[in-house]
N, C-alpha and C. Protein backbone atom coordinates (compact mmCIF):
# COMPACT_ATOMS: atom_id res chain seq x y z
N UNK A 1 100.28 50.45 118.50
CA UNK A 1 99.58 51.68 118.22
C UNK A 1 98.39 51.81 119.17
N UNK A 2 98.33 52.88 119.86
CA UNK A 2 97.22 53.14 120.78
C UNK A 2 96.03 53.65 119.99
N UNK A 3 94.88 53.05 120.25
CA UNK A 3 93.69 53.45 119.52
C UNK A 3 92.58 53.87 120.47
N UNK A 4 91.69 54.68 119.93
CA UNK A 4 90.55 55.19 120.69
C UNK A 4 89.29 54.61 120.05
N UNK A 5 88.46 53.96 120.88
CA UNK A 5 87.24 53.33 120.40
C UNK A 5 86.07 53.97 121.14
N UNK A 6 85.05 54.41 120.39
CA UNK A 6 83.85 54.98 120.98
C UNK A 6 82.69 54.04 120.65
N UNK A 7 82.00 53.56 121.70
CA UNK A 7 80.89 52.63 121.54
C UNK A 7 79.66 53.23 122.21
N UNK A 8 78.55 53.27 121.47
CA UNK A 8 77.29 53.75 122.04
C UNK A 8 76.54 52.54 122.60
N UNK A 9 76.19 52.62 123.88
CA UNK A 9 75.53 51.50 124.56
C UNK A 9 74.24 52.01 125.18
N UNK A 10 73.17 51.22 125.06
CA UNK A 10 71.91 51.58 125.71
C UNK A 10 72.02 51.29 127.20
N UNK A 11 72.26 52.34 127.97
CA UNK A 11 72.41 52.22 129.43
C UNK A 11 71.35 53.09 130.07
N UNK A 12 70.47 52.48 130.86
CA UNK A 12 69.35 53.22 131.45
C UNK A 12 69.60 53.65 132.87
N UNK A 13 70.55 53.04 133.56
CA UNK A 13 70.76 53.38 134.97
C UNK A 13 72.26 53.45 135.27
N UNK A 14 72.56 53.93 136.47
CA UNK A 14 73.95 54.00 136.91
C UNK A 14 74.55 52.61 137.08
N UNK A 15 73.71 51.66 137.43
CA UNK A 15 74.18 50.29 137.59
C UNK A 15 74.65 49.73 136.24
N UNK A 16 73.90 50.01 135.18
CA UNK A 16 74.30 49.58 133.84
C UNK A 16 75.60 50.25 133.41
N UNK A 17 75.73 51.52 133.74
CA UNK A 17 76.96 52.25 133.39
C UNK A 17 78.17 51.65 134.09
N UNK A 18 78.04 51.39 135.39
CA UNK A 18 79.18 50.84 136.13
C UNK A 18 79.50 49.42 135.65
N UNK A 19 78.48 48.65 135.29
CA UNK A 19 78.70 47.30 134.79
C UNK A 19 79.44 47.34 133.45
N UNK A 20 79.03 48.25 132.56
CA UNK A 20 79.69 48.40 131.27
C UNK A 20 81.14 48.84 131.45
N UNK A 21 81.37 49.78 132.34
CA UNK A 21 82.74 50.25 132.59
C UNK A 21 83.60 49.11 133.13
N UNK A 22 83.06 48.31 134.04
CA UNK A 22 83.82 47.20 134.62
C UNK A 22 84.13 46.14 133.58
N UNK A 23 83.18 45.84 132.71
CA UNK A 23 83.42 44.85 131.66
C UNK A 23 84.51 45.31 130.70
N UNK A 24 84.46 46.56 130.30
CA UNK A 24 85.45 47.08 129.36
C UNK A 24 86.82 47.18 130.02
N UNK A 25 86.85 47.61 131.28
CA UNK A 25 88.13 47.75 131.99
C UNK A 25 88.80 46.40 132.21
N UNK A 26 88.02 45.33 132.31
CA UNK A 26 88.58 44.00 132.54
C UNK A 26 89.18 43.40 131.26
N UNK A 27 88.93 44.00 130.12
CA UNK A 27 89.45 43.51 128.85
C UNK A 27 90.95 43.80 128.78
N UNK A 28 91.71 42.83 128.25
CA UNK A 28 93.16 43.02 128.17
C UNK A 28 93.51 44.07 127.12
N UNK A 29 94.50 44.87 127.42
CA UNK A 29 94.97 45.91 126.51
C UNK A 29 94.33 47.26 126.71
N UNK A 30 93.35 47.37 127.61
CA UNK A 30 92.65 48.64 127.82
C UNK A 30 93.47 49.50 128.79
N UNK A 31 93.75 50.73 128.38
CA UNK A 31 94.49 51.67 129.24
C UNK A 31 93.54 52.55 130.05
N UNK A 32 92.47 53.04 129.42
CA UNK A 32 91.53 53.89 130.14
C UNK A 32 90.13 53.73 129.56
N UNK A 33 89.15 53.96 130.44
CA UNK A 33 87.74 53.87 130.06
C UNK A 33 87.05 55.11 130.59
N UNK A 34 86.19 55.72 129.79
CA UNK A 34 85.46 56.91 130.22
C UNK A 34 84.08 56.91 129.58
N UNK A 35 83.16 57.64 130.20
CA UNK A 35 81.82 57.82 129.65
C UNK A 35 81.78 59.16 128.93
N UNK A 36 81.08 59.24 127.83
CA UNK A 36 80.98 60.48 127.06
C UNK A 36 79.54 60.65 126.60
N UNK A 37 79.28 61.78 126.00
CA UNK A 37 77.94 62.10 125.52
C UNK A 37 77.13 62.77 126.62
N UNK A 38 76.10 63.47 126.21
CA UNK A 38 75.27 64.18 127.18
C UNK A 38 74.51 63.24 128.11
N UNK A 39 73.85 62.19 127.59
CA UNK A 39 73.18 61.27 128.52
C UNK A 39 74.10 60.18 129.06
N UNK A 40 75.41 60.34 128.86
CA UNK A 40 76.41 59.35 129.30
C UNK A 40 76.11 57.98 128.72
N UNK A 41 75.88 57.93 127.41
CA UNK A 41 75.55 56.67 126.77
C UNK A 41 76.66 56.16 125.85
N UNK A 42 77.82 56.80 125.89
CA UNK A 42 78.94 56.37 125.07
C UNK A 42 80.11 55.98 125.97
N UNK A 43 80.74 54.86 125.63
CA UNK A 43 81.92 54.38 126.35
C UNK A 43 83.13 54.66 125.47
N UNK A 44 84.09 55.40 126.00
CA UNK A 44 85.31 55.74 125.27
C UNK A 44 86.43 54.88 125.84
N UNK A 45 87.03 54.06 124.99
CA UNK A 45 88.07 53.13 125.40
C UNK A 45 89.37 53.51 124.71
N UNK A 46 90.44 53.64 125.47
CA UNK A 46 91.76 53.91 124.92
C UNK A 46 92.66 52.76 125.33
N UNK A 47 93.32 52.16 124.33
CA UNK A 47 94.19 51.03 124.65
C UNK A 47 94.99 50.58 123.45
N UNK A 48 95.82 49.60 123.70
CA UNK A 48 96.70 49.08 122.67
C UNK A 48 96.31 47.63 122.40
N UNK A 49 95.95 47.32 121.17
CA UNK A 49 95.60 45.96 120.80
C UNK A 49 94.23 45.53 121.27
N UNK A 50 93.30 46.47 121.43
CA UNK A 50 91.94 46.15 121.86
C UNK A 50 91.10 45.84 120.63
N UNK A 51 90.34 44.73 120.70
CA UNK A 51 89.49 44.34 119.59
C UNK A 51 88.09 44.93 119.79
N UNK A 52 87.67 45.87 118.94
CA UNK A 52 86.36 46.49 119.12
C UNK A 52 85.20 45.52 118.95
N UNK A 53 85.36 44.50 118.12
CA UNK A 53 84.29 43.53 117.91
C UNK A 53 84.04 42.73 119.18
N UNK A 54 85.11 42.32 119.86
CA UNK A 54 84.96 41.59 121.12
C UNK A 54 84.31 42.46 122.18
N UNK A 55 84.69 43.74 122.23
CA UNK A 55 84.08 44.66 123.21
C UNK A 55 82.59 44.78 122.97
N UNK A 56 82.20 44.97 121.73
CA UNK A 56 80.79 45.13 121.40
C UNK A 56 80.01 43.85 121.72
N UNK A 57 80.61 42.69 121.42
CA UNK A 57 79.95 41.42 121.70
C UNK A 57 79.71 41.24 123.19
N UNK A 58 80.72 41.55 124.00
CA UNK A 58 80.58 41.42 125.46
C UNK A 58 79.54 42.40 125.99
N UNK A 59 79.56 43.63 125.50
CA UNK A 59 78.60 44.62 125.96
C UNK A 59 77.17 44.26 125.56
N UNK A 60 76.99 43.74 124.36
CA UNK A 60 75.65 43.33 123.94
C UNK A 60 75.13 42.17 124.78
N UNK A 61 76.01 41.25 125.12
CA UNK A 61 75.61 40.07 125.88
C UNK A 61 75.28 40.42 127.33
N UNK A 62 76.06 41.32 127.95
CA UNK A 62 75.93 41.58 129.39
C UNK A 62 75.13 42.83 129.74
N UNK A 63 75.13 43.86 128.87
CA UNK A 63 74.49 45.14 129.23
C UNK A 63 73.26 45.42 128.38
N UNK A 64 73.42 45.47 127.08
CA UNK A 64 72.32 45.81 126.19
C UNK A 64 72.85 46.09 124.81
N UNK A 65 72.03 46.71 123.98
CA UNK A 65 72.43 46.98 122.60
C UNK A 65 73.64 47.92 122.57
N UNK A 66 74.63 47.56 121.75
CA UNK A 66 75.85 48.36 121.60
C UNK A 66 76.11 48.58 120.13
N UNK A 67 76.60 49.79 119.82
CA UNK A 67 76.85 50.16 118.43
C UNK A 67 78.20 50.86 118.35
N UNK A 68 79.02 50.47 117.40
CA UNK A 68 80.33 51.08 117.22
C UNK A 68 80.17 52.44 116.56
N UNK A 69 80.73 53.47 117.19
CA UNK A 69 80.61 54.84 116.68
C UNK A 69 81.89 55.26 115.98
N UNK A 70 83.03 54.99 116.61
CA UNK A 70 84.29 55.51 116.05
C UNK A 70 85.46 54.64 116.49
N UNK A 71 86.38 54.42 115.58
CA UNK A 71 87.66 53.77 115.88
C UNK A 71 88.73 54.63 115.23
N UNK A 72 89.71 55.03 116.01
CA UNK A 72 90.76 55.87 115.46
C UNK A 72 91.98 55.86 116.35
N UNK A 73 92.99 56.55 115.91
CA UNK A 73 94.23 56.64 116.66
C UNK A 73 94.05 57.64 117.80
N UNK A 74 94.52 57.26 118.98
CA UNK A 74 94.42 58.14 120.14
C UNK A 74 95.47 59.24 120.03
N UNK A 75 95.02 60.47 120.23
CA UNK A 75 95.93 61.61 120.17
C UNK A 75 96.42 61.92 121.58
N UNK A 76 97.70 62.20 121.68
CA UNK A 76 98.26 62.57 122.97
C UNK A 76 97.95 64.04 123.24
N UNK A 77 97.48 64.30 124.45
CA UNK A 77 97.19 65.68 124.82
C UNK A 77 98.48 66.35 125.27
N UNK A 78 98.76 67.47 124.66
CA UNK A 78 99.97 68.20 125.00
C UNK A 78 99.69 69.11 126.18
N UNK A 79 100.57 69.04 127.16
CA UNK A 79 100.43 69.90 128.32
C UNK A 79 101.17 71.20 128.06
N UNK A 80 100.49 72.29 128.32
CA UNK A 80 101.11 73.59 128.13
C UNK A 80 102.00 73.88 129.34
N UNK A 81 103.17 74.46 129.11
CA UNK A 81 104.03 74.77 130.24
C UNK A 81 103.42 75.89 131.08
N UNK A 82 103.64 75.79 132.37
CA UNK A 82 103.10 76.80 133.28
C UNK A 82 103.80 78.13 133.04
N UNK A 83 103.06 79.20 133.17
CA UNK A 83 103.63 80.53 132.98
C UNK A 83 104.58 80.86 134.12
N UNK A 84 105.66 81.50 133.79
CA UNK A 84 106.64 81.87 134.81
C UNK A 84 106.08 83.00 135.67
N UNK A 85 106.26 82.89 136.96
CA UNK A 85 105.76 83.88 137.90
C UNK A 85 106.93 84.76 138.31
N UNK A 86 106.71 86.05 138.22
CA UNK A 86 107.77 86.99 138.58
C UNK A 86 107.43 87.66 139.90
N UNK A 87 108.41 87.74 140.77
CA UNK A 87 108.26 88.41 142.05
C UNK A 87 109.24 89.58 142.08
N UNK A 88 108.79 90.68 142.64
CA UNK A 88 109.69 91.82 142.82
C UNK A 88 109.68 92.20 144.29
N UNK A 89 110.76 92.74 144.75
CA UNK A 89 110.90 93.14 146.14
C UNK A 89 111.13 94.64 146.17
N UNK A 90 110.30 95.33 146.93
CA UNK A 90 110.46 96.77 147.07
C UNK A 90 110.76 97.07 148.53
N UNK A 91 111.69 97.97 148.75
CA UNK A 91 112.01 98.37 150.11
C UNK A 91 111.69 99.84 150.26
N UNK A 92 110.94 100.16 151.28
CA UNK A 92 110.57 101.53 151.57
C UNK A 92 111.43 102.06 152.72
N UNK A 93 111.40 103.36 152.94
CA UNK A 93 112.15 103.92 154.07
C UNK A 93 111.73 103.28 155.39
N UNK A 94 112.37 103.67 156.47
CA UNK A 94 112.19 103.02 157.77
C UNK A 94 110.75 103.07 158.28
N UNK A 95 109.91 103.95 157.79
CA UNK A 95 108.54 104.04 158.29
C UNK A 95 107.60 103.07 157.56
N UNK A 96 108.15 102.24 156.70
CA UNK A 96 107.31 101.29 155.96
C UNK A 96 107.86 99.87 156.10
N UNK A 97 107.05 98.94 155.71
CA UNK A 97 107.41 97.52 155.76
C UNK A 97 107.63 97.06 154.32
N UNK A 98 108.53 96.10 154.07
CA UNK A 98 108.75 95.63 152.70
C UNK A 98 107.45 95.11 152.08
N UNK A 99 107.34 95.30 150.79
CA UNK A 99 106.14 94.89 150.06
C UNK A 99 106.56 93.92 148.97
N UNK A 100 105.95 92.76 148.95
CA UNK A 100 106.22 91.77 147.91
C UNK A 100 105.10 91.88 146.89
N UNK A 101 105.46 92.04 145.63
CA UNK A 101 104.45 92.18 144.59
C UNK A 101 104.47 90.95 143.69
N UNK A 102 103.32 90.61 143.25
CA UNK A 102 103.12 89.48 142.36
C UNK A 102 102.43 90.01 141.11
N UNK A 103 102.58 89.31 139.99
CA UNK A 103 101.97 89.80 138.75
C UNK A 103 100.45 89.85 138.86
N UNK A 104 99.86 89.05 139.75
CA UNK A 104 98.40 89.05 139.92
C UNK A 104 97.94 90.08 140.94
N UNK A 105 98.83 90.70 141.67
CA UNK A 105 98.44 91.69 142.66
C UNK A 105 99.43 91.72 143.80
N UNK A 106 99.24 92.62 144.74
CA UNK A 106 100.17 92.79 145.84
C UNK A 106 99.85 91.81 146.96
N UNK A 107 100.87 91.21 147.50
CA UNK A 107 100.74 90.30 148.63
C UNK A 107 101.73 90.76 149.71
N UNK A 108 101.48 90.44 150.92
CA UNK A 108 102.38 90.80 152.00
C UNK A 108 101.85 91.99 152.76
N UNK A 109 102.73 92.65 153.44
CA UNK A 109 102.34 93.77 154.27
C UNK A 109 102.33 95.05 153.46
N UNK A 110 101.36 95.87 153.73
CA UNK A 110 101.27 97.17 153.07
C UNK A 110 101.87 98.24 154.00
N UNK A 111 102.14 99.36 153.42
CA UNK A 111 102.68 100.47 154.20
C UNK A 111 101.58 100.96 155.14
N UNK A 112 101.94 101.24 156.38
CA UNK A 112 100.96 101.74 157.33
C UNK A 112 101.41 103.10 157.82
N UNK A 113 100.46 103.90 158.21
CA UNK A 113 100.76 105.25 158.67
C UNK A 113 100.66 105.28 160.19
N UNK A 114 101.64 105.87 160.80
CA UNK A 114 101.61 106.03 162.26
C UNK A 114 101.90 107.47 162.57
N UNK A 115 101.48 107.84 163.75
CA UNK A 115 101.75 109.20 164.18
C UNK A 115 103.24 109.37 164.48
N UNK A 116 103.83 110.52 164.16
CA UNK A 116 105.26 110.74 164.43
C UNK A 116 105.54 110.63 165.93
N UNK A 117 106.64 109.99 166.22
CA UNK A 117 107.06 109.87 167.63
C UNK A 117 106.47 108.67 168.33
N UNK A 118 105.66 107.87 167.67
CA UNK A 118 105.12 106.69 168.34
C UNK A 118 105.91 105.46 167.88
N UNK A 119 105.85 104.45 168.66
CA UNK A 119 106.56 103.22 168.34
C UNK A 119 105.81 102.46 167.26
N UNK A 120 106.51 102.00 166.25
CA UNK A 120 105.86 101.31 165.16
C UNK A 120 105.61 99.84 165.47
N UNK A 121 106.21 99.31 166.54
CA UNK A 121 106.02 97.92 166.88
C UNK A 121 104.71 97.68 167.59
N UNK A 122 104.32 98.60 168.44
CA UNK A 122 103.09 98.41 169.24
C UNK A 122 101.90 98.99 168.57
């Protein structure tokens, strides 16, 4: 069973944060480690068979005061399927160029106006 553990750690600098992340990541059974909270003082650990007591003990010994905030089952994030994109092709008479339209707007070449009797290539 994959579980999510949130630990609040007193981290005053970026060096403390990176040290805490490295210590937690080196623990067996950890799948991912992230920082959370506004001052980035919470370590979020997701893994299988991770002992929260051992994590807190290691963090207290090496970084600073650590407090267990939450232990629970990790929820899988569902990815929403991408919306289907529809393309349409319109063909205009010989004095125009094909126009490719997209649901977000027109892309490609637009119709241009030229004087009668002139070459449309030049």
